[in-house]
Amino acid sequence: MTTLLSPEIDVIGELTERCDRCGAAAKLEVTLISGGELAFCGHHANRHHADIVRVASKIRIEDGFSWAGK
C-alpha cells in the first residue's frame, strides 16, 4: 500500500517501548495506516526509514534521535 500523504510526525521526550525487531530501547514508534503500532530502535528505524514512511499514518520520534526519514 502506498500513500501520497506524509505521516504526522511528533517529537516526544522519551519512549518506553522496546524495538519489535531486536528488543533494544525504541527511538521511534509508528502507527500503521492499516492499523496497529510498531516500535524501532535507532538502527532499525534508520535502516527501514523508506518503508516506515510509506506505511505510517503517525510517527513518534524520541527527542534527540536523528532519523534518516525526517
N, C-alpha and C. Protein backbone atom coordinates (compact mmCIF):
# COMPACT_ATOMS: atom_id res chain seq x y z
N MET A 1 0.85 -1.18 0.00
CA MET A 1 0.00 0.00 0.00
C MET A 1 0.90 1.24 0.00
N THR A 2 0.57 2.21 -0.80
CA THR A 2 1.32 3.46 -0.81
C THR A 2 0.37 4.60 -0.47
N THR A 3 0.96 5.68 -0.02
CA THR A 3 0.16 6.85 0.33
C THR A 3 0.82 8.09 -0.25
N LEU A 4 0.00 9.05 -0.66
CA LEU A 4 0.51 10.31 -1.18
C LEU A 4 0.67 11.33 -0.06
N LEU A 5 0.13 11.00 1.10
CA LEU A 5 0.21 11.91 2.24
C LEU A 5 1.40 11.54 3.12
N SER A 6 2.04 12.54 3.66
CA SER A 6 3.13 12.29 4.60
C SER A 6 2.53 11.96 5.96
N PRO A 7 3.19 11.07 6.70
CA PRO A 7 2.68 10.78 8.04
C PRO A 7 2.88 11.97 8.99
N GLU A 8 2.01 12.07 9.96
CA GLU A 8 2.17 13.07 11.02
C GLU A 8 3.37 12.66 11.86
N ILE A 9 4.27 13.60 12.14
CA ILE A 9 5.47 13.30 12.92
C ILE A 9 5.48 14.15 14.19
N ASP A 10 5.59 13.49 15.34
CA ASP A 10 5.67 14.17 16.63
C ASP A 10 6.99 13.80 17.31
N VAL A 11 7.61 14.77 17.92
CA VAL A 11 8.81 14.52 18.73
C VAL A 11 8.37 14.54 20.19
N ILE A 12 8.71 13.48 20.90
CA ILE A 12 8.32 13.38 22.30
C ILE A 12 9.55 13.19 23.17
N GLY A 13 9.42 13.46 24.44
CA GLY A 13 10.55 13.43 25.37
C GLY A 13 11.25 12.10 25.46
N GLU A 14 10.50 11.04 25.74
CA GLU A 14 11.13 9.73 25.93
C GLU A 14 10.14 8.63 25.57
N LEU A 15 10.61 7.62 24.87
CA LEU A 15 9.80 6.45 24.56
C LEU A 15 10.12 5.36 25.57
N THR A 16 9.12 4.56 25.92
CA THR A 16 9.33 3.49 26.88
C THR A 16 9.25 2.10 26.25
N GLU A 17 8.88 2.03 24.99
CA GLU A 17 8.75 0.75 24.30
C GLU A 17 10.11 0.15 23.95
N ARG A 18 10.10 -1.10 23.52
CA ARG A 18 11.28 -1.81 23.05
C ARG A 18 11.11 -2.08 21.56
N CYS A 19 12.21 -2.15 20.84
CA CYS A 19 12.20 -2.41 19.39
C CYS A 19 11.54 -3.76 19.11
N ASP A 20 10.60 -3.78 18.17
CA ASP A 20 9.93 -5.01 17.79
C ASP A 20 10.84 -5.94 16.98
N ARG A 21 11.95 -5.45 16.48
CA ARG A 21 12.89 -6.27 15.71
C ARG A 21 13.95 -6.92 16.59
N CYS A 22 14.50 -6.16 17.57
CA CYS A 22 15.66 -6.70 18.32
C CYS A 22 15.55 -6.54 19.84
N GLY A 23 14.56 -5.81 20.34
CA GLY A 23 14.39 -5.66 21.77
C GLY A 23 15.15 -4.51 22.41
N ALA A 24 15.93 -3.76 21.64
CA ALA A 24 16.65 -2.59 22.17
C ALA A 24 15.64 -1.47 22.48
N ALA A 25 16.07 -0.47 23.20
CA ALA A 25 15.21 0.67 23.52
C ALA A 25 14.72 1.34 22.24
N ALA A 26 13.42 1.58 22.16
CA ALA A 26 12.84 2.21 20.96
C ALA A 26 13.18 3.69 20.90
N LYS A 27 13.46 4.16 19.71
CA LYS A 27 13.68 5.57 19.44
C LYS A 27 12.58 6.13 18.55
N LEU A 28 11.76 5.24 17.97
CA LEU A 28 10.71 5.65 17.04
C LEU A 28 9.55 4.67 17.16
N GLU A 29 8.33 5.20 17.23
CA GLU A 29 7.11 4.40 17.23
C GLU A 29 6.27 4.80 16.04
N VAL A 30 5.64 3.82 15.42
CA VAL A 30 4.87 4.03 14.20
C VAL A 30 3.45 3.54 14.39
N THR A 31 2.48 4.38 14.03
CA THR A 31 1.10 3.94 13.89
C THR A 31 0.89 3.65 12.41
N LEU A 32 0.52 2.43 12.10
CA LEU A 32 0.39 2.00 10.71
C LEU A 32 -0.93 2.45 10.09
N ILE A 33 -0.90 2.74 8.80
CA ILE A 33 -2.12 3.09 8.06
C ILE A 33 -3.14 1.97 8.18
N SER A 34 -2.67 0.74 8.13
CA SER A 34 -3.56 -0.42 8.18
C SER A 34 -4.02 -0.77 9.59
N GLY A 35 -3.52 -0.05 10.59
CA GLY A 35 -3.87 -0.30 11.98
C GLY A 35 -2.71 -0.99 12.69
N GLY A 36 -2.62 -0.78 13.98
CA GLY A 36 -1.55 -1.37 14.76
C GLY A 36 -0.38 -0.41 14.91
N GLU A 37 0.56 -0.81 15.73
CA GLU A 37 1.74 0.01 16.00
C GLU A 37 2.99 -0.85 16.01
N LEU A 38 4.11 -0.24 15.67
CA LEU A 38 5.41 -0.88 15.73
C LEU A 38 6.39 0.08 16.39
N ALA A 39 7.40 -0.47 17.04
CA ALA A 39 8.46 0.33 17.65
C ALA A 39 9.80 -0.12 17.08
N PHE A 40 10.71 0.84 16.89
CA PHE A 40 12.02 0.55 16.33
C PHE A 40 13.13 1.22 17.12
N CYS A 41 14.24 0.52 17.32
CA CYS A 41 15.45 1.15 17.86
C CYS A 41 16.01 2.08 16.79
N GLY A 42 17.02 2.85 17.14
CA GLY A 42 17.61 3.78 16.19
C GLY A 42 18.15 3.10 14.94
N HIS A 43 18.84 1.98 15.13
CA HIS A 43 19.41 1.24 14.00
C HIS A 43 18.33 0.80 13.01
N HIS A 44 17.30 0.14 13.51
CA HIS A 44 16.26 -0.37 12.62
C HIS A 44 15.38 0.75 12.06
N ALA A 45 15.16 1.81 12.82
CA ALA A 45 14.38 2.94 12.30
C ALA A 45 15.09 3.57 11.10
N ASN A 46 16.40 3.74 11.20
CA ASN A 46 17.14 4.34 10.08
C ASN A 46 17.30 3.36 8.92
N ARG A 47 17.48 2.10 9.23
CA ARG A 47 17.65 1.09 8.18
C ARG A 47 16.38 0.97 7.33
N HIS A 48 15.21 1.09 7.95
CA HIS A 48 13.93 0.87 7.26
C HIS A 48 13.14 2.17 7.08
N HIS A 49 13.81 3.32 7.08
CA HIS A 49 13.11 4.61 7.05
C HIS A 49 12.17 4.76 5.86
N ALA A 50 12.56 4.32 4.68
CA ALA A 50 11.70 4.48 3.49
C ALA A 50 10.41 3.68 3.62
N ASP A 51 10.51 2.45 4.12
CA ASP A 51 9.32 1.62 4.32
C ASP A 51 8.43 2.18 5.42
N ILE A 52 9.04 2.70 6.47
CA ILE A 52 8.27 3.27 7.58
C ILE A 52 7.42 4.43 7.10
N VAL A 53 8.01 5.34 6.34
CA VAL A 53 7.27 6.50 5.84
C VAL A 53 6.12 6.05 4.93
N ARG A 54 6.33 5.00 4.17
CA ARG A 54 5.33 4.52 3.21
C ARG A 54 4.11 3.92 3.90
N VAL A 55 4.28 3.31 5.08
CA VAL A 55 3.16 2.61 5.72
C VAL A 55 2.62 3.29 6.97
N ALA A 56 3.20 4.43 7.35
CA ALA A 56 2.83 5.09 8.61
C ALA A 56 1.76 6.16 8.44
N SER A 57 0.85 6.22 9.39
CA SER A 57 -0.07 7.36 9.46
C SER A 57 0.45 8.37 10.48
N LYS A 58 1.19 7.87 11.49
CA LYS A 58 1.75 8.75 12.52
C LYS A 58 3.08 8.15 13.00
N ILE A 59 4.04 9.03 13.24
CA ILE A 59 5.35 8.62 13.72
C ILE A 59 5.71 9.46 14.94
N ARG A 60 6.15 8.79 16.00
CA ARG A 60 6.62 9.46 17.21
C ARG A 60 8.11 9.19 17.34
N ILE A 61 8.89 10.26 17.43
CA ILE A 61 10.35 10.16 17.50
C ILE A 61 10.81 10.67 18.85
N GLU A 62 11.72 9.94 19.47
CA GLU A 62 12.28 10.39 20.74
C GLU A 62 13.15 11.62 20.51
N ASP A 63 12.98 12.63 21.37
CA ASP A 63 13.74 13.86 21.28
C ASP A 63 15.23 13.56 21.29
N GLY A 64 15.97 14.15 20.37
CA GLY A 64 17.41 13.95 20.27
C GLY A 64 17.82 12.86 19.29
N PHE A 65 16.87 12.04 18.82
CA PHE A 65 17.18 10.99 17.86
C PHE A 65 17.19 11.57 16.45
N SER A 66 18.25 11.33 15.71
CA SER A 66 18.39 11.81 14.34
C SER A 66 17.93 10.70 13.40
N TRP A 67 16.72 10.84 12.85
CA TRP A 67 16.13 9.82 12.00
C TRP A 67 16.35 10.13 10.53
N ALA A 68 16.74 9.13 9.75
CA ALA A 68 17.02 9.29 8.33
C ALA A 68 15.77 9.64 7.52
N GLY A 69 14.59 9.34 8.02
CA GLY A 69 13.35 9.59 7.29
C GLY A 69 12.76 10.96 7.48
N LYS A 70 13.37 11.76 8.32
CA LYS A 70 12.81 13.09 8.63
C LYS A 70 13.40 14.16 7.77
